[in-house]
């Protein structure tokens, strides 16, 4: 395969992946799975609610947080700060956030 063909295929695949990512999301794909996770502690005042990722996602121990302003981000439930916050934040109402 010619190098230019390989580059074009890679660009095409990259463009398709970017379309899958929700525009209001920092780390959440439109399939409700998490692939990148916030490592730093998020201020509790900035978190509105949480929801679990889909059961078909590769990272089962992750949560999607809805933040003030409508942004969403992913965190791992195994992080100590997430476990501490989990007791103080409520699940998001309904299926979609």
N, C-alpha and C. Protein backbone atom coordinates (compact mmCIF):
# COMPACT_ATOMS: atom_id res chain seq x y z
N UNK A 1 0.84 -1.17 0.00
CA UNK A 1 0.00 0.00 0.00
C UNK A 1 0.89 1.24 0.00
N UNK A 2 0.53 2.20 -0.81
CA UNK A 2 1.32 3.42 -0.90
C UNK A 2 1.17 4.25 0.38
N UNK A 3 2.24 4.95 0.77
CA UNK A 3 2.18 5.75 2.00
C UNK A 3 1.05 6.78 2.00
N UNK A 4 0.79 7.40 0.88
CA UNK A 4 -0.27 8.41 0.84
C UNK A 4 -1.64 7.79 1.10
N UNK A 5 -1.83 6.57 0.64
CA UNK A 5 -3.09 5.86 0.88
C UNK A 5 -3.25 5.57 2.37
N UNK A 6 -2.18 5.16 3.01
CA UNK A 6 -2.20 4.87 4.44
C UNK A 6 -2.56 6.14 5.22
N UNK A 7 -1.96 7.25 4.87
CA UNK A 7 -2.23 8.52 5.54
C UNK A 7 -3.69 8.92 5.35
N UNK A 8 -4.20 8.79 4.14
CA UNK A 8 -5.60 9.15 3.89
C UNK A 8 -6.57 8.27 4.67
N UNK A 9 -6.29 6.99 4.75
CA UNK A 9 -7.14 6.08 5.52
C UNK A 9 -7.11 6.45 7.00
N UNK A 10 -5.93 6.76 7.51
CA UNK A 10 -5.82 7.17 8.92
C UNK A 10 -6.60 8.45 9.19
N UNK A 11 -6.50 9.41 8.31
CA UNK A 11 -7.25 10.66 8.49
C UNK A 11 -8.75 10.42 8.44
N UNK A 12 -9.18 9.56 7.55
CA UNK A 12 -10.60 9.23 7.44
C UNK A 12 -11.10 8.58 8.73
N UNK A 13 -10.36 7.61 9.24
CA UNK A 13 -10.75 6.94 10.48
C UNK A 13 -10.75 7.90 11.66
N UNK A 14 -9.77 8.79 11.72
CA UNK A 14 -9.70 9.78 12.78
C UNK A 14 -10.91 10.71 12.72
N UNK A 15 -11.29 11.13 11.54
CA UNK A 15 -12.46 12.00 11.37
C UNK A 15 -13.74 11.32 11.80
N UNK A 16 -13.86 10.03 11.52
CA UNK A 16 -15.05 9.29 11.94
C UNK A 16 -15.11 9.18 13.45
N UNK A 17 -13.97 8.96 14.09
CA UNK A 17 -13.96 8.84 15.54
C UNK A 17 -14.34 10.16 16.19
N UNK A 18 -13.83 11.28 15.66
CA UNK A 18 -14.15 12.58 16.24
C UNK A 18 -15.63 12.90 16.15
N UNK A 19 -16.32 12.40 15.14
CA UNK A 19 -17.75 12.63 15.04
C UNK A 19 -18.50 11.89 16.12
N UNK A 20 -17.94 10.81 16.64
CA UNK A 20 -18.61 10.03 17.67
C UNK A 20 -18.61 10.73 19.02
N UNK A 21 -17.62 11.59 19.26
CA UNK A 21 -17.50 12.25 20.55
C UNK A 21 -18.54 13.36 20.65
N UNK A 22 -19.27 13.34 21.74
CA UNK A 22 -20.33 14.31 21.98
C UNK A 22 -19.73 15.71 22.12
N UNK A 23 -20.39 16.72 21.56
CA UNK A 23 -19.84 18.07 21.56
C UNK A 23 -19.88 18.72 22.94
N UNK A 24 -20.73 18.26 23.85
CA UNK A 24 -20.80 18.84 25.19
C UNK A 24 -19.96 18.05 26.18
N UNK A 25 -19.13 17.18 25.69
CA UNK A 25 -18.41 16.26 26.55
C UNK A 25 -16.92 16.52 26.51
N UNK A 26 -16.27 16.29 27.64
CA UNK A 26 -14.82 16.37 27.67
C UNK A 26 -14.22 14.99 27.45
N UNK A 27 -14.84 13.94 27.96
CA UNK A 27 -14.29 12.60 27.88
C UNK A 27 -15.32 11.52 27.59
N UNK A 28 -16.55 11.87 27.31
CA UNK A 28 -17.62 10.89 27.18
C UNK A 28 -18.00 10.74 25.71
N UNK A 29 -17.98 9.51 25.20
CA UNK A 29 -18.38 9.28 23.82
C UNK A 29 -19.89 9.19 23.74
N UNK A 30 -20.42 9.28 22.53
CA UNK A 30 -21.87 9.22 22.34
C UNK A 30 -22.42 7.85 22.70
N UNK A 31 -21.57 6.85 22.84
CA UNK A 31 -22.03 5.51 23.23
C UNK A 31 -22.10 5.37 24.76
N UNK A 32 -21.88 6.47 25.49
CA UNK A 32 -21.93 6.49 26.96
C UNK A 32 -20.85 5.63 27.60
N UNK A 33 -19.71 5.56 26.96
CA UNK A 33 -18.55 4.86 27.52
C UNK A 33 -17.45 5.88 27.80
N UNK A 34 -16.58 5.54 28.72
CA UNK A 34 -15.44 6.40 29.05
C UNK A 34 -14.15 5.75 28.56
N UNK A 35 -13.30 6.56 27.94
CA UNK A 35 -12.02 6.07 27.46
C UNK A 35 -10.86 6.88 28.01
N UNK A 36 -11.15 8.08 28.50
CA UNK A 36 -10.16 8.94 29.15
C UNK A 36 -10.76 9.38 30.47
N UNK A 37 -9.91 9.53 31.48
CA UNK A 37 -10.41 9.81 32.81
C UNK A 37 -9.69 11.00 33.43
N UNK A 38 -10.44 11.79 34.20
CA UNK A 38 -9.88 12.91 34.93
C UNK A 38 -9.11 12.34 36.11
N UNK A 39 -7.90 12.78 36.29
CA UNK A 39 -7.08 12.30 37.40
C UNK A 39 -7.17 13.25 38.60
N UNK A 40 -7.22 14.55 38.32
CA UNK A 40 -7.25 15.53 39.40
C UNK A 40 -8.63 15.59 40.05
N UNK A 41 -8.64 15.90 41.33
CA UNK A 41 -9.88 16.06 42.07
C UNK A 41 -10.68 17.23 41.51
N UNK A 42 -11.96 17.01 41.34
CA UNK A 42 -12.88 18.04 40.87
C UNK A 42 -13.59 18.59 42.10
N UNK A 43 -13.76 19.89 42.17
CA UNK A 43 -14.47 20.50 43.29
C UNK A 43 -15.88 19.93 43.39
N UNK A 44 -16.27 19.56 44.57
CA UNK A 44 -17.61 18.99 44.80
C UNK A 44 -18.70 19.96 44.38
N UNK A 45 -18.46 21.25 44.53
CA UNK A 45 -19.46 22.26 44.15
C UNK A 45 -19.70 22.30 42.64
N UNK A 46 -18.77 21.80 41.85
CA UNK A 46 -18.92 21.82 40.39
C UNK A 46 -19.69 20.60 39.87
N UNK A 47 -19.91 19.60 40.71
CA UNK A 47 -20.57 18.36 40.27
C UNK A 47 -22.06 18.45 40.55
N UNK A 48 -22.86 18.26 39.50
CA UNK A 48 -24.31 18.27 39.67
C UNK A 48 -24.84 16.88 40.02
N UNK A 49 -24.38 15.86 39.30
CA UNK A 49 -24.86 14.50 39.52
C UNK A 49 -23.93 13.53 38.78
N UNK A 50 -24.21 12.25 38.92
CA UNK A 50 -23.39 11.23 38.24
C UNK A 50 -24.31 10.18 37.63
N UNK A 51 -23.73 9.40 36.73
CA UNK A 51 -24.40 8.21 36.22
C UNK A 51 -23.35 7.17 35.86
N UNK A 52 -23.77 5.94 35.84
CA UNK A 52 -22.88 4.83 35.49
C UNK A 52 -22.72 4.77 33.98
N UNK A 53 -21.61 4.21 33.55
CA UNK A 53 -21.42 3.98 32.13
C UNK A 53 -22.23 2.76 31.71
N UNK A 54 -22.38 2.59 30.43
CA UNK A 54 -23.13 1.46 29.89
C UNK A 54 -22.47 0.14 30.28
N UNK A 55 -23.26 -0.90 30.44
CA UNK A 55 -22.72 -2.21 30.81
C UNK A 55 -21.87 -2.83 29.69
N UNK A 56 -21.94 -2.27 28.49
CA UNK A 56 -21.15 -2.78 27.38
C UNK A 56 -19.79 -2.09 27.25
N UNK A 57 -19.50 -1.16 28.12
CA UNK A 57 -18.24 -0.40 28.05
C UNK A 57 -17.08 -1.23 28.60
N UNK A 58 -15.87 -0.96 28.09
CA UNK A 58 -14.71 -1.72 28.55
C UNK A 58 -14.30 -1.39 29.99
N UNK A 59 -14.54 -0.17 30.45
CA UNK A 59 -14.16 0.23 31.81
C UNK A 59 -15.43 0.27 32.67
N UNK A 60 -15.69 -0.81 33.38
CA UNK A 60 -16.91 -0.93 34.17
C UNK A 60 -16.86 -0.12 35.46
N UNK A 61 -15.69 0.19 35.94
CA UNK A 61 -15.56 0.93 37.20
C UNK A 61 -15.37 2.41 36.93
N UNK A 62 -16.23 2.96 36.09
CA UNK A 62 -16.14 4.38 35.79
C UNK A 62 -17.51 5.02 35.92
N UNK A 63 -17.48 6.32 36.17
CA UNK A 63 -18.69 7.12 36.30
C UNK A 63 -18.61 8.30 35.35
N UNK A 64 -19.76 8.75 34.90
CA UNK A 64 -19.84 9.98 34.12
C UNK A 64 -20.40 11.05 35.05
N UNK A 65 -19.65 12.12 35.23
CA UNK A 65 -20.09 13.22 36.07
C UNK A 65 -20.65 14.33 35.19
N UNK A 66 -21.80 14.87 35.59
CA UNK A 66 -22.34 16.06 34.93
C UNK A 66 -21.92 17.24 35.78
N UNK A 67 -21.25 18.19 35.15
CA UNK A 67 -20.73 19.35 35.84
C UNK A 67 -21.60 20.57 35.57
N UNK A 68 -21.46 21.56 36.41
CA UNK A 68 -22.17 22.82 36.19
C UNK A 68 -21.75 23.37 34.83
N UNK A 69 -22.70 23.85 34.06
CA UNK A 69 -22.42 24.35 32.72
C UNK A 69 -22.71 23.30 31.66
N UNK A 70 -23.11 22.09 32.08
CA UNK A 70 -23.50 21.07 31.13
C UNK A 70 -22.39 20.17 30.64
N UNK A 71 -21.15 20.42 31.05
CA UNK A 71 -20.06 19.54 30.63
C UNK A 71 -20.17 18.19 31.33
N UNK A 72 -19.65 17.16 30.69
CA UNK A 72 -19.59 15.83 31.28
C UNK A 72 -18.14 15.37 31.24
N UNK A 73 -17.76 14.59 32.23
CA UNK A 73 -16.43 14.03 32.26
C UNK A 73 -16.45 12.68 32.94
N UNK A 74 -15.42 11.91 32.74
CA UNK A 74 -15.35 10.56 33.28
C UNK A 74 -14.32 10.47 34.41
N UNK A 75 -14.67 9.67 35.41
CA UNK A 75 -13.75 9.40 36.52
C UNK A 75 -13.80 7.91 36.84
N UNK A 76 -12.72 7.42 37.41
CA UNK A 76 -12.67 6.03 37.85
C UNK A 76 -13.17 5.93 39.29
N UNK A 77 -14.05 4.97 39.54
CA UNK A 77 -14.60 4.78 40.88
C UNK A 77 -13.55 4.34 41.89
N UNK A 78 -12.42 3.87 41.40
CA UNK A 78 -11.37 3.37 42.29
C UNK A 78 -10.54 4.49 42.93
N UNK A 79 -10.67 5.72 42.43
CA UNK A 79 -9.92 6.84 43.00
C UNK A 79 -10.49 7.18 44.38
N UNK A 80 -9.64 7.41 45.38
CA UNK A 80 -10.15 7.71 46.73
C UNK A 80 -11.07 8.93 46.77
N UNK A 81 -10.76 9.99 46.04
CA UNK A 81 -11.61 11.18 46.09
C UNK A 81 -12.97 10.90 45.46
N UNK A 82 -13.02 10.04 44.45
CA UNK A 82 -14.31 9.69 43.82
C UNK A 82 -15.15 8.89 44.80
N UNK A 83 -14.55 7.94 45.50
CA UNK A 83 -15.29 7.15 46.49
C UNK A 83 -15.84 8.03 47.59
N UNK A 84 -15.06 9.02 48.03
CA UNK A 84 -15.53 9.93 49.08
C UNK A 84 -16.68 10.79 48.57
N UNK A 85 -16.60 11.28 47.34
CA UNK A 85 -17.67 12.10 46.76
C UNK A 85 -18.92 11.29 46.47
N UNK A 86 -18.75 10.03 46.13
CA UNK A 86 -19.86 9.18 45.70
C UNK A 86 -20.98 9.16 46.73
N UNK A 87 -20.63 9.23 47.99
CA UNK A 87 -21.61 9.23 49.07
C UNK A 87 -22.38 10.55 49.15
N UNK A 88 -21.83 11.61 48.57
CA UNK A 88 -22.41 12.95 48.72
C UNK A 88 -23.11 13.48 47.48
N UNK A 89 -22.91 12.84 46.33
CA UNK A 89 -23.58 13.29 45.11
C UNK A 89 -24.68 12.31 44.73
N UNK A 90 -25.67 12.81 44.02
CA UNK A 90 -26.83 11.99 43.68
C UNK A 90 -26.75 11.55 42.23
N UNK A 91 -27.44 10.45 41.92
CA UNK A 91 -27.52 10.02 40.52
C UNK A 91 -28.30 11.04 39.69
N UNK A 92 -27.95 11.15 38.44
CA UNK A 92 -28.69 12.03 37.54
C UNK A 92 -30.07 11.43 37.27
N UNK A 93 -31.08 12.26 37.18
CA UNK A 93 -32.41 11.73 36.89
C UNK A 93 -32.51 11.25 35.45
N UNK A 94 -33.27 10.18 35.23
CA UNK A 94 -33.47 9.67 33.87
C UNK A 94 -32.25 9.00 33.32
N UNK A 95 -32.36 8.61 32.06
CA UNK A 95 -31.26 7.91 31.38
C UNK A 95 -30.21 8.87 30.85
N UNK A 96 -30.66 9.96 30.27
CA UNK A 96 -29.74 10.91 29.62
C UNK A 96 -29.43 12.07 30.55
N UNK A 97 -28.19 12.59 30.44
CA UNK A 97 -27.85 13.81 31.16
C UNK A 97 -27.40 14.86 30.20
